[in-house]
Amino acid sequence: MSGLPSPGALIPHNGGAVLLDEVRSVSAHRLDASLLVRPGTAFSDASGCLPGWVGPEIMAQAIAALSGYRTLTAHGRPAAIGLLLGVRSYDTVVSEFRPGDTLTVEVIESSEDEEGRAVFDCKILCTNDVLASGTLTVFQPADNSFIEQECRVRG
């Protein structure tokens, strides 16, 4: 064990929606995590496989874990919310991630702006083979006021 918080303590997901099992390492702009492909997640098919299209969700959860870790160490609580704005250049060499495989996900922040948008270069590996890669753009607001404002406008 790495001694780092569990992914469930860092991301705003519960139960079978949490795909990551362990945060292996974290630095200012990078996080490495792992997961065992298994049946019973919110994304597993009947045979326990994770379809290849779940790759961006795995990557997004690792980004959320990095954001959660940053906020936890700075403010004593995990990040409240983050939004996936887009996925570019997602490429996978597999149609599914198979039960029993241990996957490693690497996310590296390549840019960020003052408003809370950031771009991450991401990879999913299994025993040093890159199975999927992509670039994710996310938005981490400073607080939840933009949601509250949107609810008042639409309410």
Protein backbone atom coordinates (compact mmCIF):
# COMPACT_ATOMS: atom_id res chain seq x y z
CA MET A 1 0.00 0.00 0.00
CA SER A 2 1.19 3.49 -0.81
CA GLY A 3 -0.06 5.26 2.34
CA LEU A 4 -2.04 7.67 0.14
CA PRO A 5 -5.82 8.15 0.54
CA SER A 6 -8.08 5.67 -1.21
CA PRO A 7 -9.67 6.82 -4.49
CA GLY A 8 -13.09 6.60 -2.83
CA ALA A 9 -11.99 9.23 -0.32
CA LEU A 10 -10.84 11.56 -3.11
CA ILE A 11 -13.52 11.40 -5.80
CA PRO A 12 -17.26 12.14 -5.57
CA HIS A 13 -18.35 8.61 -6.59
CA ASN A 14 -19.85 5.83 -4.49
CA GLY A 15 -19.93 2.03 -4.56
CA GLY A 16 -19.67 0.38 -7.97
CA ALA A 17 -19.12 3.72 -9.70
CA VAL A 18 -15.58 3.89 -8.25
CA LEU A 19 -13.28 2.09 -10.67
CA LEU A 20 -9.88 2.94 -9.17
CA ASP A 21 -8.55 0.73 -6.38
CA GLU A 22 -5.37 2.51 -5.34
CA VAL A 23 -3.53 5.79 -5.78
CA ARG A 24 0.06 4.65 -6.28
CA SER A 25 1.83 7.99 -6.54
CA VAL A 26 0.96 11.65 -6.74
CA SER A 27 2.88 14.86 -7.38
CA ALA A 28 1.92 18.42 -8.24
CA HIS A 29 0.89 17.62 -11.83
CA ARG A 30 0.77 13.83 -12.04
CA LEU A 31 -1.08 10.88 -10.54
CA ASP A 32 -0.64 7.15 -11.06
CA ALA A 33 -3.40 4.81 -9.93
CA SER A 34 -4.35 1.17 -10.42
CA LEU A 35 -7.48 -0.90 -10.72
CA LEU A 36 -8.32 -4.56 -10.98
CA VAL A 37 -10.86 -5.21 -13.74
CA ARG A 38 -13.70 -7.06 -12.02
CA PRO A 39 -17.42 -7.73 -12.28
CA GLY A 40 -19.87 -5.69 -10.27
CA THR A 41 -18.89 -2.15 -11.19
CA ALA A 42 -21.37 0.29 -12.69
CA PHE A 43 -19.51 -0.12 -16.00
CA SER A 44 -18.90 -3.90 -16.12
CA ASP A 45 -20.69 -5.99 -18.70
CA ALA A 46 -22.27 -9.38 -17.91
CA SER A 47 -18.90 -11.17 -18.21
CA GLY A 48 -17.13 -8.67 -15.93
CA CYS A 49 -15.28 -6.91 -18.74
CA LEU A 50 -15.01 -3.14 -18.96
CA PRO A 51 -15.75 -2.02 -22.52
CA GLY A 52 -12.94 -0.08 -24.19
CA TRP A 53 -15.12 3.03 -24.24
CA VAL A 54 -14.87 3.13 -20.42
CA GLY A 55 -11.22 4.23 -20.75
CA PRO A 56 -12.02 7.97 -20.61
CA GLU A 57 -14.01 7.39 -17.39
CA ILE A 58 -11.01 5.60 -15.84
CA MET A 59 -8.82 8.54 -16.88
CA ALA A 60 -11.33 11.08 -15.57
CA GLN A 61 -11.47 9.31 -12.21
CA ALA A 62 -7.68 9.53 -11.94
CA ILE A 63 -7.84 13.25 -12.73
CA ALA A 64 -10.58 13.64 -10.09
CA ALA A 65 -8.37 11.79 -7.59
CA LEU A 66 -5.51 14.22 -8.32
CA SER A 67 -7.83 17.19 -7.84
CA GLY A 68 -9.26 15.63 -4.70
CA TYR A 69 -5.78 15.04 -3.32
CA ARG A 70 -4.71 18.62 -4.04
CA THR A 71 -7.80 20.03 -2.31
CA LEU A 72 -7.49 17.60 0.60
CA THR A 73 -3.90 18.62 1.30
CA ALA A 74 -4.62 22.35 0.84
CA HIS A 75 -8.01 22.62 2.56
CA GLY A 76 -8.54 19.41 4.54
CA ARG A 77 -11.38 18.17 2.32
CA PRO A 78 -11.60 16.59 -1.15
CA ALA A 79 -12.72 18.62 -4.16
CA ALA A 80 -16.48 19.09 -4.33
CA ILE A 81 -17.04 18.89 -8.07
CA GLY A 82 -15.26 18.75 -11.39
CA LEU A 83 -16.57 18.58 -14.94
CA LEU A 84 -15.24 16.70 -17.95
CA LEU A 85 -15.32 19.18 -20.83
CA GLY A 86 -13.94 17.00 -23.57
CA VAL A 87 -11.95 13.99 -24.73
CA ARG A 88 -9.55 14.32 -27.65
CA SER A 89 -7.49 11.74 -29.45
CA TYR A 90 -8.79 8.80 -27.43
CA ASP A 91 -7.23 5.68 -28.86
CA THR A 92 -7.46 2.14 -27.57
CA VAL A 93 -5.93 -1.07 -28.89
CA VAL A 94 -8.49 -3.23 -27.05
CA SER A 95 -12.24 -3.51 -27.36
CA GLU A 96 -12.49 -4.42 -23.69
CA PHE A 97 -10.48 -4.56 -20.49
CA ARG A 98 -10.66 -8.14 -19.21
CA PRO A 99 -11.50 -9.37 -15.68
CA GLY A 100 -8.41 -10.13 -13.63
CA ASP A 101 -6.21 -7.62 -15.45
CA THR A 102 -4.54 -5.00 -13.29
CA LEU A 103 -4.52 -1.68 -15.11
CA THR A 104 -2.36 1.31 -14.34
CA VAL A 105 -3.65 4.76 -15.26
CA GLU A 106 -1.29 7.72 -15.58
CA VAL A 107 -2.53 11.30 -15.82
CA ILE A 108 -0.20 14.25 -16.37
CA GLU A 109 -1.45 17.84 -16.34
CA SER A 110 0.00 19.57 -19.41
CA SER A 111 -1.69 22.96 -18.99
CA GLU A 112 -4.08 24.87 -16.75
CA ASP A 113 -5.57 28.34 -16.61
CA GLU A 114 -6.68 30.70 -13.84
CA GLU A 115 -10.37 29.92 -14.38
CA GLY A 116 -10.03 26.24 -13.48
CA ARG A 117 -9.68 24.57 -16.88
CA ALA A 118 -6.90 22.02 -17.32
CA VAL A 119 -5.66 19.58 -19.96
CA PHE A 120 -4.33 16.13 -19.08
CA ASP A 121 -2.39 13.61 -21.13
CA CYS A 122 -3.55 10.16 -20.04
CA LYS A 123 -2.58 6.51 -20.51
CA ILE A 124 -3.96 3.18 -19.40
CA LEU A 125 -1.39 0.40 -19.23
CA CYS A 126 -1.33 -3.31 -18.47
CA THR A 127 2.11 -4.75 -17.71
CA ASN A 128 3.88 -1.83 -19.43
CA ASP A 129 1.79 -2.10 -22.61
CA VAL A 130 -0.21 1.04 -23.42
CA LEU A 131 -3.79 -0.11 -23.99
CA ALA A 132 -5.39 3.33 -24.26
CA SER A 133 -4.37 6.97 -24.41
CA GLY A 134 -6.10 10.28 -24.75
CA THR A 135 -6.21 13.95 -23.83
CA LEU A 136 -8.92 15.09 -21.43
CA THR A 137 -9.97 18.68 -20.77
CA VAL A 138 -11.58 19.31 -17.39
CA PHE A 139 -12.99 22.18 -15.36
CA GLN A 140 -12.44 22.45 -11.60
CA PRO A 141 -14.33 25.47 -10.30
CA ALA A 142 -13.04 27.29 -7.24
CA ASP A 143 -16.36 26.58 -5.51
CA ASN A 144 -19.92 25.46 -6.30
CA SER A 145 -21.32 28.98 -6.78
CA PHE A 146 -21.63 28.55 -10.56
CA ILE A 147 -23.97 25.57 -10.01
CA GLU A 148 -26.04 27.43 -7.44
CA GLN A 149 -26.31 30.39 -9.80
CA GLU A 150 -27.36 28.13 -12.71
CA CYS A 151 -30.02 26.48 -10.53
CA ARG A 152 -31.45 29.90 -9.58
CA VAL A 153 -31.55 30.97 -13.24
CA ARG A 154 -33.26 27.74 -14.37
CA GLY A 155 -35.35 27.31 -11.20
